[in-house]
């Protein structure tokens, strides 16, 4: 329990630092990355990091397991020891909060007018 708590606090501190600075300490982009991807992610990454840090631990865990680990609802429910319905409601709530924090925009879409 202490190790999990320490990891959770560390993750929140990292996301808050990332929201302040915009420098991702985990993922460093290389010269070969697509320019469109860099521009689109640069526009929202600080807001996204702040929004992730503001989520409850349960909501953030479910969202990251679905989005980054590409787990199914059943796999997430098993990993967290919660019902599948709880996974669905937490995911819905997390997505809504992230979307609201980003001004209703979908961070995965790139609009031509947003590019310089």
PDB file of N, CA and C in Angstrom:
ATOM      1  N   UNK A   1       0.836  -1.200   0.000  1.00  0.00           N
ATOM      2  CA  UNK A   1       0.000   0.000   0.000  1.00  0.00           C
ATOM      3  C   UNK A   1       0.876   1.257   0.000  1.00  0.00           C
ATOM      4  N   UNK A   2       1.974   1.218   0.774  1.00  0.00           N
ATOM      5  CA  UNK A   2       2.863   2.383   0.814  1.00  0.00           C
ATOM      6  C   UNK A   2       3.539   2.618  -0.530  1.00  0.00           C
ATOM      7  N   UNK A   3       3.950   1.549  -1.185  1.00  0.00           N
ATOM      8  CA  UNK A   3       4.599   1.668  -2.478  1.00  0.00           C
ATOM      9  C   UNK A   3       3.644   2.241  -3.524  1.00  0.00           C
ATOM     10  N   UNK A   4       2.409   1.789  -3.509  1.00  0.00           N
ATOM     11  CA  UNK A   4       1.407   2.297  -4.451  1.00  0.00           C
ATOM     12  C   UNK A   4       1.125   3.765  -4.174  1.00  0.00           C
ATOM     13  N   UNK A   5       1.002   4.131  -2.908  1.00  0.00           N
ATOM     14  CA  UNK A   5       0.780   5.537  -2.548  1.00  0.00           C
ATOM     15  C   UNK A   5       1.933   6.415  -2.980  1.00  0.00           C
ATOM     16  N   UNK A   6       3.157   5.938  -2.787  1.00  0.00           N
ATOM     17  CA  UNK A   6       4.341   6.698  -3.186  1.00  0.00           C
ATOM     18  C   UNK A   6       4.355   6.895  -4.699  1.00  0.00           C
ATOM     19  N   UNK A   7       4.046   5.831  -5.437  1.00  0.00           N
ATOM     20  CA  UNK A   7       4.017   5.931  -6.896  1.00  0.00           C
ATOM     21  C   UNK A   7       2.947   6.927  -7.358  1.00  0.00           C
ATOM     22  N   UNK A   8       1.784   6.877  -6.748  1.00  0.00           N
ATOM     23  CA  UNK A   8       0.696   7.773  -7.119  1.00  0.00           C
ATOM     24  C   UNK A   8       1.077   9.231  -6.861  1.00  0.00           C
ATOM     25  N   UNK A   9       1.672   9.506  -5.703  1.00  0.00           N
ATOM     26  CA  UNK A   9       2.090  10.875  -5.386  1.00  0.00           C
ATOM     27  C   UNK A   9       3.184  11.343  -6.349  1.00  0.00           C
ATOM     28  N   UNK A  10       4.086  10.459  -6.691  1.00  0.00           N
ATOM     29  CA  UNK A  10       5.152  10.787  -7.629  1.00  0.00           C
ATOM     30  C   UNK A  10       4.583  11.108  -9.006  1.00  0.00           C
ATOM     31  N   UNK A  11       3.597  10.334  -9.437  1.00  0.00           N
ATOM     32  CA  UNK A  11       2.973  10.560 -10.740  1.00  0.00           C
ATOM     33  C   UNK A  11       2.271  11.911 -10.779  1.00  0.00           C
ATOM     34  N   UNK A  12       1.553  12.252  -9.730  1.00  0.00           N
ATOM     35  CA  UNK A  12       0.857  13.539  -9.676  1.00  0.00           C
ATOM     36  C   UNK A  12       1.868  14.681  -9.683  1.00  0.00           C
ATOM     37  N   UNK A  13       2.960  14.563  -8.919  1.00  0.00           N
ATOM     38  CA  UNK A  13       3.994  15.606  -8.918  1.00  0.00           C
ATOM     39  C   UNK A  13       4.593  15.777 -10.308  1.00  0.00           C
ATOM     40  N   UNK A  14       4.857  14.663 -11.006  1.00  0.00           N
ATOM     41  CA  UNK A  14       5.417  14.739 -12.345  1.00  0.00           C
ATOM     42  C   UNK A  14       4.446  15.426 -13.304  1.00  0.00           C
ATOM     43  N   UNK A  15       3.167  15.080 -13.231  1.00  0.00           N
ATOM     44  CA  UNK A  15       2.179  15.694 -14.124  1.00  0.00           C
ATOM     45  C   UNK A  15       2.031  17.185 -13.843  1.00  0.00           C
ATOM     46  N   UNK A  16       2.070  17.578 -12.581  1.00  0.00           N
ATOM     47  CA  UNK A  16       1.979  19.009 -12.240  1.00  0.00           C
ATOM     48  C   UNK A  16       3.211  19.765 -12.722  1.00  0.00           C
ATOM     49  N   UNK A  17       4.381  19.173 -12.584  1.00  0.00           N
ATOM     50  CA  UNK A  17       5.607  19.800 -13.080  1.00  0.00           C
ATOM     51  C   UNK A  17       5.562  19.923 -14.598  1.00  0.00           C
ATOM     52  N   UNK A  18       5.070  18.900 -15.237  1.00  0.00           N
ATOM     53  CA  UNK A  18       4.937  18.910 -16.686  1.00  0.00           C
ATOM     54  C   UNK A  18       3.951  19.992 -17.119  1.00  0.00           C
ATOM     55  N   UNK A  19       2.878  20.166 -16.355  1.00  0.00           N
ATOM     56  CA  UNK A  19       1.889  21.203 -16.675  1.00  0.00           C
ATOM     57  C   UNK A  19       2.500  22.597 -16.547  1.00  0.00           C
ATOM     58  N   UNK A  20       3.402  22.774 -15.578  1.00  0.00           N
ATOM     59  CA  UNK A  20       4.042  24.081 -15.387  1.00  0.00           C
ATOM     60  C   UNK A  20       5.093  24.371 -16.451  1.00  0.00           C
ATOM     61  N   UNK A  21       5.894  23.382 -16.786  1.00  0.00           N
ATOM     62  CA  UNK A  21       7.048  23.629 -17.648  1.00  0.00           C
ATOM     63  C   UNK A  21       6.826  23.290 -19.110  1.00  0.00           C
ATOM     64  N   UNK A  22       6.001  22.313 -19.375  1.00  0.00           N
ATOM     65  CA  UNK A  22       5.802  21.863 -20.747  1.00  0.00           C
ATOM     66  C   UNK A  22       6.885  20.914 -21.222  1.00  0.00           C
ATOM     67  N   UNK A  23       7.852  20.605 -20.358  1.00  0.00           N
ATOM     68  CA  UNK A  23       8.930  19.679 -20.724  1.00  0.00           C
ATOM     69  C   UNK A  23       8.592  18.295 -20.203  1.00  0.00           C
ATOM     70  N   UNK A  24       8.433  17.353 -21.098  1.00  0.00           N
ATOM     71  CA  UNK A  24       8.090  15.991 -20.727  1.00  0.00           C
ATOM     72  C   UNK A  24       9.351  15.259 -20.286  1.00  0.00           C
ATOM     73  N   UNK A  25       9.463  14.895 -19.002  1.00  0.00           N
ATOM     74  CA  UNK A  25      10.675  14.231 -18.545  1.00  0.00           C
ATOM     75  C   UNK A  25      10.773  12.777 -18.981  1.00  0.00           C
ATOM     76  N   UNK A  26       9.691  12.181 -19.406  1.00  0.00           N
ATOM     77  CA  UNK A  26       9.690  10.770 -19.773  1.00  0.00           C
ATOM     78  C   UNK A  26       9.912  10.576 -21.264  1.00  0.00           C
ATOM     79  N   UNK A  27       9.261  11.362 -22.059  1.00  0.00           N
ATOM     80  CA  UNK A  27       9.287  11.178 -23.510  1.00  0.00           C
ATOM     81  C   UNK A  27       9.952  12.370 -24.167  1.00  0.00           C
ATOM     82  N   UNK A  28      11.100  12.164 -24.743  1.00  0.00           N
ATOM     83  CA  UNK A  28      11.793  13.234 -25.444  1.00  0.00           C
ATOM     84  C   UNK A  28      11.586  13.012 -26.942  1.00  0.00           C
ATOM     85  N   UNK A  29      11.087  14.039 -27.609  1.00  0.00           N
ATOM     86  CA  UNK A  29      10.831  13.920 -29.041  1.00  0.00           C
ATOM     87  C   UNK A  29      12.143  13.995 -29.820  1.00  0.00           C
ATOM     88  N   UNK A  30      12.199  13.280 -30.930  1.00  0.00           N
ATOM     89  CA  UNK A  30      13.386  13.279 -31.763  1.00  0.00           C
ATOM     90  C   UNK A  30      13.135  14.090 -33.016  1.00  0.00           C
ATOM     91  N   UNK A  31      14.195  14.319 -33.757  1.00  0.00           N
ATOM     92  CA  UNK A  31      14.106  15.082 -35.005  1.00  0.00           C
ATOM     93  C   UNK A  31      13.235  14.389 -36.042  1.00  0.00           C
ATOM     94  N   UNK A  32      13.076  13.074 -35.941  1.00  0.00           N
ATOM     95  CA  UNK A  32      12.332  12.339 -36.962  1.00  0.00           C
ATOM     96  C   UNK A  32      10.827  12.319 -36.727  1.00  0.00           C
ATOM     97  N   UNK A  33      10.366  12.883 -35.608  1.00  0.00           N
ATOM     98  CA  UNK A  33       8.918  12.912 -35.348  1.00  0.00           C
ATOM     99  C   UNK A  33       8.213  13.784 -36.375  1.00  0.00           C
ATOM    100  N   UNK A  34       6.969  13.486 -36.598  1.00  0.00           N
ATOM    101  CA  UNK A  34       6.170  14.270 -37.526  1.00  0.00           C
ATOM    102  C   UNK A  34       5.938  15.670 -36.976  1.00  0.00           C
ATOM    103  N   UNK A  35       6.090  16.684 -37.814  1.00  0.00           N
ATOM    104  CA  UNK A  35       5.914  18.072 -37.389  1.00  0.00           C
ATOM    105  C   UNK A  35       4.468  18.334 -36.953  1.00  0.00           C
ATOM    106  N   UNK A  36       3.515  17.789 -37.668  1.00  0.00           N
ATOM    107  CA  UNK A  36       2.111  17.986 -37.297  1.00  0.00           C
ATOM    108  C   UNK A  36       1.822  17.442 -35.908  1.00  0.00           C
ATOM    109  N   UNK A  37       2.355  16.276 -35.612  1.00  0.00           N
ATOM    110  CA  UNK A  37       2.157  15.683 -34.290  1.00  0.00           C
ATOM    111  C   UNK A  37       2.756  16.527 -33.198  1.00  0.00           C
ATOM    112  N   UNK A  38       3.942  17.085 -33.431  1.00  0.00           N
ATOM    113  CA  UNK A  38       4.582  17.941 -32.431  1.00  0.00           C
ATOM    114  C   UNK A  38       3.787  19.213 -32.209  1.00  0.00           C
ATOM    115  N   UNK A  39       3.310  19.815 -33.299  1.00  0.00           N
ATOM    116  CA  UNK A  39       2.543  21.050 -33.154  1.00  0.00           C
ATOM    117  C   UNK A  39       1.231  20.816 -32.424  1.00  0.00           C
ATOM    118  N   UNK A  40       0.549  19.736 -32.786  1.00  0.00           N
ATOM    119  CA  UNK A  40      -0.731  19.445 -32.144  1.00  0.00           C
ATOM    120  C   UNK A  40      -0.542  19.116 -30.670  1.00  0.00           C
ATOM    121  N   UNK A  41       0.470  18.330 -30.352  1.00  0.00           N
ATOM    122  CA  UNK A  41       0.674  17.957 -28.952  1.00  0.00           C
ATOM    123  C   UNK A  41       1.199  19.124 -28.139  1.00  0.00           C
ATOM    124  N   UNK A  42       2.008  19.985 -28.748  1.00  0.00           N
ATOM    125  CA  UNK A  42       2.530  21.138 -28.012  1.00  0.00           C
ATOM    126  C   UNK A  42       1.408  22.075 -27.601  1.00  0.00           C
ATOM    127  N   UNK A  43       0.366  22.138 -28.407  1.00  0.00           N
ATOM    128  CA  UNK A  43      -0.739  23.052 -28.113  1.00  0.00           C
ATOM    129  C   UNK A  43      -1.541  22.629 -26.895  1.00  0.00           C
ATOM    130  N   UNK A  44      -1.564  21.338 -26.596  1.00  0.00           N
ATOM    131  CA  UNK A  44      -2.417  20.873 -25.502  1.00  0.00           C
ATOM    132  C   UNK A  44      -1.694  20.150 -24.377  1.00  0.00           C
ATOM    133  N   UNK A  45      -0.402  19.894 -24.522  1.00  0.00           N
ATOM    134  CA  UNK A  45       0.247  19.013 -23.550  1.00  0.00           C
ATOM    135  C   UNK A  45       0.264  19.564 -22.133  1.00  0.00           C
ATOM    136  N   UNK A  46       0.463  20.859 -21.956  1.00  0.00           N
ATOM    137  CA  UNK A  46       0.451  21.404 -20.599  1.00  0.00           C
ATOM    138  C   UNK A  46      -0.942  21.314 -19.984  1.00  0.00           C
ATOM    139  N   UNK A  47      -1.950  21.672 -20.761  1.00  0.00           N
ATOM    140  CA  UNK A  47      -3.325  21.582 -20.259  1.00  0.00           C
ATOM    141  C   UNK A  47      -3.713  20.137 -19.980  1.00  0.00           C
ATOM    142  N   UNK A  48      -3.278  19.226 -20.828  1.00  0.00           N
ATOM    143  CA  UNK A  48      -3.585  17.813 -20.642  1.00  0.00           C
ATOM    144  C   UNK A  48      -2.915  17.277 -19.383  1.00  0.00           C
ATOM    145  N   UNK A  49      -1.666  17.636 -19.155  1.00  0.00           N
ATOM    146  CA  UNK A  49      -0.966  17.178 -17.953  1.00  0.00           C
ATOM    147  C   UNK A  49      -1.651  17.718 -16.699  1.00  0.00           C
ATOM    148  N   UNK A  50      -2.071  18.967 -16.733  1.00  0.00           N
ATOM    149  CA  UNK A  50      -2.775  19.545 -15.584  1.00  0.00           C
ATOM    150  C   UNK A  50      -4.112  18.847 -15.358  1.00  0.00           C
ATOM    151  N   UNK A  51      -4.818  18.555 -16.441  1.00  0.00           N
ATOM    152  CA  UNK A  51      -6.107  17.871 -16.326  1.00  0.00           C
ATOM    153  C   UNK A  51      -5.929  16.454 -15.783  1.00  0.00           C
ATOM    154  N   UNK A  52      -4.895  15.756 -16.223  1.00  0.00           N
ATOM    155  CA  UNK A  52      -4.624  14.411 -15.707  1.00  0.00           C
ATOM    156  C   UNK A  52      -4.284  14.455 -14.224  1.00  0.00           C
ATOM    157  N   UNK A  53      -3.511  15.446 -13.817  1.00  0.00           N
ATOM    158  CA  UNK A  53      -3.143  15.573 -12.408  1.00  0.00           C
ATOM    159  C   UNK A  53      -4.365  15.878 -11.548  1.00  0.00           C
ATOM    160  N   UNK A  54      -5.359  16.554 -12.112  1.00  0.00           N
ATOM    161  CA  UNK A  54      -6.550  16.931 -11.361  1.00  0.00           C
ATOM    162  C   UNK A  54      -7.556  15.784 -11.210  1.00  0.00           C
ATOM    163  N   UNK A  55      -7.418  14.726 -12.011  1.00  0.00           N
ATOM    164  CA  UNK A  55      -8.336  13.592 -11.915  1.00  0.00           C
ATOM    165  C   UNK A  55      -8.116  12.843 -10.600  1.00  0.00           C
ATOM    166  N   UNK A  56      -9.161  12.167 -10.141  1.00  0.00           N
ATOM    167  CA  UNK A  56      -8.993  11.301  -8.974  1.00  0.00           C
ATOM    168  C   UNK A  56      -8.107  10.128  -9.382  1.00  0.00           C
ATOM    169  N   UNK A  57      -7.500   9.487  -8.401  1.00  0.00           N
ATOM    170  CA  UNK A  57      -6.623   8.354  -8.697  1.00  0.00           C
ATOM    171  C   UNK A  57      -7.346   7.264  -9.474  1.00  0.00           C
ATOM    172  N   UNK A  58      -8.555   6.942  -9.070  1.00  0.00           N
ATOM    173  CA  UNK A  58      -9.320   5.898  -9.741  1.00  0.00           C
ATOM    174  C   UNK A  58      -9.638   6.237 -11.181  1.00  0.00           C
ATOM    175  N   UNK A  59     -10.077   7.476 -11.419  1.00  0.00           N
ATOM    176  CA  UNK A  59     -10.399   7.897 -12.780  1.00  0.00           C
ATOM    177  C   UNK A  59      -9.151   7.913 -13.657  1.00  0.00           C
ATOM    178  N   UNK A  60      -8.045   8.444 -13.111  1.00  0.00           N
ATOM    179  CA  UNK A  60      -6.797   8.512 -13.872  1.00  0.00           C
ATOM    180  C   UNK A  60      -6.276   7.107 -14.195  1.00  0.00           C
ATOM    181  N   UNK A  61      -6.325   6.198 -13.219  1.00  0.00           N
ATOM    182  CA  UNK A  61      -5.859   4.834 -13.448  1.00  0.00           C
ATOM    183  C   UNK A  61      -6.634   4.174 -14.583  1.00  0.00           C
ATOM    184  N   UNK A  62      -7.945   4.290 -14.560  1.00  0.00           N
ATOM    185  CA  UNK A  62      -8.771   3.674 -15.601  1.00  0.00           C
ATOM    186  C   UNK A  62      -8.469   4.306 -16.955  1.00  0.00           C
ATOM    187  N   UNK A  63      -8.418   5.618 -17.021  1.00  0.00           N
ATOM    188  CA  UNK A  63      -8.163   6.304 -18.290  1.00  0.00           C
ATOM    189  C   UNK A  63      -6.813   5.899 -18.878  1.00  0.00           C
ATOM    190  N   UNK A  64      -5.776   5.869 -18.061  1.00  0.00           N
ATOM    191  CA  UNK A  64      -4.443   5.531 -18.563  1.00  0.00           C
ATOM    192  C   UNK A  64      -4.334   4.061 -18.949  1.00  0.00           C
ATOM    193  N   UNK A  65      -5.008   3.191 -18.216  1.00  0.00           N
ATOM    194  CA  UNK A  65      -4.973   1.771 -18.567  1.00  0.00           C
ATOM    195  C   UNK A  65      -5.675   1.513 -19.894  1.00  0.00           C
ATOM    196  N   UNK A  66      -6.743   2.242 -20.156  1.00  0.00           N
ATOM    197  CA  UNK A  66      -7.471   2.093 -21.422  1.00  0.00           C
ATOM    198  C   UNK A  66      -6.693   2.761 -22.554  1.00  0.00           C
ATOM    199  N   UNK A  67      -6.261   4.010 -22.332  1.00  0.00           N
ATOM    200  CA  UNK A  67      -5.652   4.796 -23.409  1.00  0.00           C
ATOM    201  C   UNK A  67      -4.209   4.391 -23.700  1.00  0.00           C
ATOM    202  N   UNK A  68      -3.393   4.235 -22.682  1.00  0.00           N
ATOM    203  CA  UNK A  68      -1.970   3.982 -22.909  1.00  0.00           C
ATOM    204  C   UNK A  68      -1.617   2.505 -22.904  1.00  0.00           C
ATOM    205  N   UNK A  69      -2.217   1.753 -22.000  1.00  0.00           N
ATOM    206  CA  UNK A  69      -1.892   0.331 -21.923  1.00  0.00           C
ATOM    207  C   UNK A  69      -2.743  -0.495 -22.884  1.00  0.00           C
ATOM    208  N   UNK A  70      -3.766   0.137 -23.467  1.00  0.00           N
ATOM    209  CA  UNK A  70      -4.635  -0.518 -24.446  1.00  0.00           C
ATOM    210  C   UNK A  70      -5.280  -1.784 -23.882  1.00  0.00           C
ATOM    211  N   UNK A  71      -5.697  -1.702 -22.619  1.00  0.00           N
ATOM    212  CA  UNK A  71      -6.383  -2.822 -21.990  1.00  0.00           C
ATOM    213  C   UNK A  71      -7.880  -2.728 -22.268  1.00  0.00           C
ATOM    214  N   UNK A  72      -8.558  -3.850 -22.225  1.00  0.00           N
ATOM    215  CA  UNK A  72     -10.011  -3.870 -22.387  1.00  0.00           C
ATOM    216  C   UNK A  72     -10.660  -3.497 -21.052  1.00  0.00           C
ATOM    217  N   UNK A  73     -11.953  -3.219 -21.087  1.00  0.00           N
ATOM    218  CA  UNK A  73     -12.675  -2.894 -19.853  1.00  0.00           C
ATOM    219  C   UNK A  73     -12.558  -4.043 -18.852  1.00  0.00           C
ATOM    220  N   UNK A  74     -12.680  -5.261 -19.339  1.00  0.00           N
ATOM    221  CA  UNK A  74     -12.596  -6.431 -18.464  1.00  0.00           C
ATOM    222  C   UNK A  74     -11.215  -6.562 -17.844  1.00  0.00           C
ATOM    223  N   UNK A  75     -10.179  -6.338 -18.628  1.00  0.00           N
ATOM    224  CA  UNK A  75      -8.811  -6.407 -18.105  1.00  0.00           C
ATOM    225  C   UNK A  75      -8.549  -5.339 -17.051  1.00  0.00           C
ATOM    226  N   UNK A  76      -9.057  -4.138 -17.286  1.00  0.00           N
ATOM    227  CA  UNK A  76      -8.894  -3.060 -16.305  1.00  0.00           C
ATOM    228  C   UNK A  76      -9.650  -3.407 -15.027  1.00  0.00           C
ATOM    229  N   UNK A  77     -10.866  -3.912 -15.173  1.00  0.00           N
ATOM    230  CA  UNK A  77     -11.659  -4.285 -14.001  1.00  0.00           C
ATOM    231  C   UNK A  77     -10.946  -5.359 -13.181  1.00  0.00           C
ATOM    232  N   UNK A  78     -10.371  -6.329 -13.845  1.00  0.00           N
ATOM    233  CA  UNK A  78      -9.633  -7.387 -13.150  1.00  0.00           C
ATOM    234  C   UNK A  78      -8.392  -6.824 -12.465  1.00  0.00           C
ATOM    235  N   UNK A  79      -7.652  -5.976 -13.153  1.00  0.00           N
ATOM    236  CA  UNK A  79      -6.420  -5.408 -12.604  1.00  0.00           C
ATOM    237  C   UNK A  79      -6.686  -4.546 -11.375  1.00  0.00           C
ATOM    238  N   UNK A  80      -7.792  -3.808 -11.401  1.00  0.00           N
ATOM    239  CA  UNK A  80      -8.103  -2.909 -10.288  1.00  0.00           C
ATOM    240  C   UNK A  80      -9.024  -3.543  -9.250  1.00  0.00           C
ATOM    241  N   UNK A  81      -9.581  -4.706  -9.561  1.00  0.00           N
ATOM    242  CA  UNK A  81     -10.477  -5.371  -8.623  1.00  0.00           C
ATOM    243  C   UNK A  81     -11.802  -4.656  -8.448  1.00  0.00           C
ATOM    244  N   UNK A  82     -12.333  -4.111  -9.556  1.00  0.00           N
ATOM    245  CA  UNK A  82     -13.606  -3.388  -9.528  1.00  0.00           C
ATOM    246  C   UNK A  82     -14.513  -3.963 -10.609  1.00  0.00           C
ATOM    247  N   UNK A  83     -15.825  -3.712 -10.514  1.00  0.00           N
ATOM    248  CA  UNK A  83     -16.740  -4.190 -11.556  1.00  0.00           C
ATOM    249  C   UNK A  83     -16.530  -3.456 -12.883  1.00  0.00           C
ATOM    250  N   UNK A  84     -16.897  -4.103 -13.978  1.00  0.00           N
ATOM    251  CA  UNK A  84     -16.770  -3.510 -15.305  1.00  0.00           C
ATOM    252  C   UNK A  84     -17.607  -2.230 -15.404  1.00  0.00           C
ATOM    253  N   UNK A  85     -18.761  -2.210 -14.778  1.00  0.00           N
ATOM    254  CA  UNK A  85     -19.598  -1.004 -14.791  1.00  0.00           C
ATOM    255  C   UNK A  85     -18.892   0.185 -14.163  1.00  0.00           C
ATOM    256  N   UNK A  86     -18.106  -0.048 -13.136  1.00  0.00           N
ATOM    257  CA  UNK A  86     -17.340   1.022 -12.498  1.00  0.00           C
ATOM    258  C   UNK A  86     -16.247   1.520 -13.437  1.00  0.00           C
ATOM    259  N   UNK A  87     -15.631   0.599 -14.177  1.00  0.00           N
ATOM    260  CA  UNK A  87     -14.627   1.000 -15.164  1.00  0.00           C
ATOM    261  C   UNK A  87     -15.266   1.921 -16.191  1.00  0.00           C
ATOM    262  N   UNK A  88     -16.435   1.538 -16.679  1.00  0.00           N
ATOM    263  CA  UNK A  88     -17.120   2.350 -17.690  1.00  0.00           C
ATOM    264  C   UNK A  88     -17.483   3.735 -17.159  1.00  0.00           C
ATOM    265  N   UNK A  89     -18.002   3.808 -15.942  1.00  0.00           N
ATOM    266  CA  UNK A  89     -18.404   5.110 -15.399  1.00  0.00           C
ATOM    267  C   UNK A  89     -17.179   5.983 -15.108  1.00  0.00           C
ATOM    268  N   UNK A  90     -16.095   5.387 -14.606  1.00  0.00           N
ATOM    269  CA  UNK A  90     -14.877   6.169 -14.349  1.00  0.00           C
ATOM    270  C   UNK A  90     -14.273   6.684 -15.652  1.00  0.00           C
ATOM    271  N   UNK A  91     -14.288   5.843 -16.674  1.00  0.00           N
ATOM    272  CA  UNK A  91     -13.742   6.255 -17.965  1.00  0.00           C
ATOM    273  C   UNK A  91     -14.568   7.388 -18.564  1.00  0.00           C
ATOM    274  N   UNK A  92     -15.866   7.272 -18.494  1.00  0.00           N
ATOM    275  CA  UNK A  92     -16.746   8.329 -19.012  1.00  0.00           C
ATOM    276  C   UNK A  92     -16.491   9.645 -18.271  1.00  0.00           C
ATOM    277  N   UNK A  93     -16.416   9.574 -16.948  1.00  0.00           N
ATOM    278  CA  UNK A  93     -16.182  10.769 -16.123  1.00  0.00           C
ATOM    279  C   UNK A  93     -14.811  11.372 -16.436  1.00  0.00           C
ATOM    280  N   UNK A  94     -13.780  10.543 -16.558  1.00  0.00           N
ATOM    281  CA  UNK A  94     -12.426  11.038 -16.843  1.00  0.00           C
ATOM    282  C   UNK A  94     -12.368  11.703 -18.216  1.00  0.00           C
ATOM    283  N   UNK A  95     -12.967  11.068 -19.211  1.00  0.00           N
ATOM    284  CA  UNK A  95     -12.963  11.652 -20.557  1.00  0.00           C
ATOM    285  C   UNK A  95     -13.693  12.987 -20.577  1.00  0.00           C
ATOM    286  N   UNK A  96     -14.810  13.070 -19.872  1.00  0.00           N
ATOM    287  CA  UNK A  96     -15.572  14.320 -19.830  1.00  0.00           C
ATOM    288  C   UNK A  96     -14.760  15.432 -19.161  1.00  0.00           C
ATOM    289  N   UNK A  97     -14.067  15.106 -18.089  1.00  0.00           N
ATOM    290  CA  UNK A  97     -13.260  16.117 -17.386  1.00  0.00           C
ATOM    291  C   UNK A  97     -12.072  16.559 -18.219  1.00  0.00           C
ATOM    292  N   UNK A  98     -11.437  15.631 -18.906  1.00  0.00           N
ATOM    293  CA  UNK A  98     -10.314  15.985 -19.775  1.00  0.00           C
ATOM    294  C   UNK A  98     -10.800  16.868 -20.916  1.00  0.00           C
ATOM    295  N   UNK A  99     -11.904  16.474 -21.531  1.00  0.00           N
ATOM    296  CA  UNK A  99     -12.468  17.250 -22.628  1.00  0.00           C
ATOM    297  C   UNK A  99     -12.828  18.659 -22.167  1.00  0.00           C
ATOM    298  N   UNK A 100     -13.440  18.791 -20.987  1.00  0.00           N
ATOM    299  CA  UNK A 100     -13.802  20.102 -20.458  1.00  0.00           C
ATOM    300  C   UNK A 100     -12.556  20.936 -20.160  1.00  0.00           C
ATOM    301  N   UNK A 101     -11.521  20.309 -19.627  1.00  0.00           N
ATOM    302  CA  UNK A 101     -10.286  21.029 -19.309  1.00  0.00           C
ATOM    303  C   UNK A 101      -9.592  21.537 -20.573  1.00  0.00           C
ATOM    304  N   UNK A 102      -9.810  20.856 -21.682  1.00  0.00           N
ATOM    305  CA  UNK A 102      -9.216  21.264 -22.945  1.00  0.00           C
ATOM    306  C   UNK A 102     -10.154  22.138 -23.761  1.00  0.00           C
ATOM    307  N   UNK A 103     -11.186  22.648 -23.135  1.00  0.00           N
ATOM    308  CA  UNK A 103     -12.102  23.546 -23.817  1.00  0.00           C
ATOM    309  C   UNK A 103     -13.036  22.864 -24.788  1.00  0.00           C
ATOM    310  N   UNK A 104     -13.312  21.585 -24.557  1.00  0.00           N
ATOM    311  CA  UNK A 104     -14.217  20.841 -25.430  1.00  0.00           C
ATOM    312  C   UNK A 104     -13.546  20.288 -26.673  1.00  0.00           C
ATOM    313  N   UNK A 105     -12.228  20.504 -26.820  1.00  0.00           N
ATOM    314  CA  UNK A 105     -11.503  20.012 -27.989  1.00  0.00           C
ATOM    315  C   UNK A 105     -11.062  18.577 -27.787  1.00  0.00           C
ATOM    316  N   UNK A 106     -10.970  17.852 -28.902  1.00  0.00           N
ATOM    317  CA  UNK A 106     -10.416  16.508 -28.900  1.00  0.00           C
ATOM    318  C   UNK A 106      -8.920  16.639 -29.126  1.00  0.00           C
ATOM    319  N   UNK A 107      -8.085  16.268 -28.141  1.00  0.00           N
ATOM    320  CA  UNK A 107      -6.650  16.470 -28.291  1.00  0.00           C
ATOM    321  C   UNK A 107      -6.008  15.604 -29.364  1.00  0.00           C
ATOM    322  N   UNK A 108      -6.733  14.606 -29.868  1.00  0.00           N
ATOM    323  CA  UNK A 108      -6.158  13.732 -30.896  1.00  0.00           C
ATOM    324  C   UNK A 108      -6.422  14.241 -32.305  1.00  0.00           C
ATOM    325  N   UNK A 109      -7.232  15.291 -32.434  1.00  0.00           N
ATOM    326  CA  UNK A 109      -7.508  15.795 -33.771  1.00  0.00           C
ATOM    327  C   UNK A 109      -6.634  17.000 -34.061  1.00  0.00           C
ATOM    328  N   UNK A 110      -6.221  17.125 -35.301  1.00  0.00           N
ATOM    329  CA  UNK A 110      -5.405  18.252 -35.733  1.00  0.00           C
ATOM    330  C   UNK A 110      -6.223  19.035 -36.749  1.00  0.00           C
ATOM    331  N   UNK A 111      -6.463  20.303 -36.412  1.00  0.00           N
ATOM    332  CA  UNK A 111      -7.206  21.167 -37.328  1.00  0.00           C
ATOM    333  C   UNK A 111      -6.227  22.053 -38.071  1.00  0.00           C
ATOM    334  N   UNK A 112      -6.471  22.278 -39.344  1.00  0.00           N
ATOM    335  CA  UNK A 112      -5.581  23.086 -40.162  1.00  0.00           C
ATOM    336  C   UNK A 112      -5.473  24.512 -39.644  1.00  0.00           C
ATOM    337  N   UNK A 113      -6.571  25.113 -39.183  1.00  0.00           N
ATOM    338  CA  UNK A 113      -6.529  26.488 -38.715  1.00  0.00           C
ATOM    339  C   UNK A 113      -5.723  26.653 -37.436  1.00  0.00           C
ATOM    340  N   UNK A 114      -5.477  25.570 -36.693  1.00  0.00           N
ATOM    341  CA  UNK A 114      -4.714  25.674 -35.462  1.00  0.00           C
ATOM    342  C   UNK A 114      -3.215  25.617 -35.725  1.00  0.00           C
ATOM    343  N   UNK A 115      -2.819  25.235 -36.942  1.00  0.00           N
ATOM    344  CA  UNK A 115      -1.403  25.158 -37.265  1.00  0.00           C
ATOM    345  C   UNK A 115      -0.917  26.503 -37.783  1.00  0.00           C
ATOM    346  N   UNK A 116       0.309  26.925 -37.382  1.00  0.00           N
ATOM    347  CA  UNK A 116       0.820  28.222 -37.841  1.00  0.00           C
ATOM    348  C   UNK A 116       1.193  28.195 -39.296  1.00  0.00           C
TER     349      UNK A 116
END
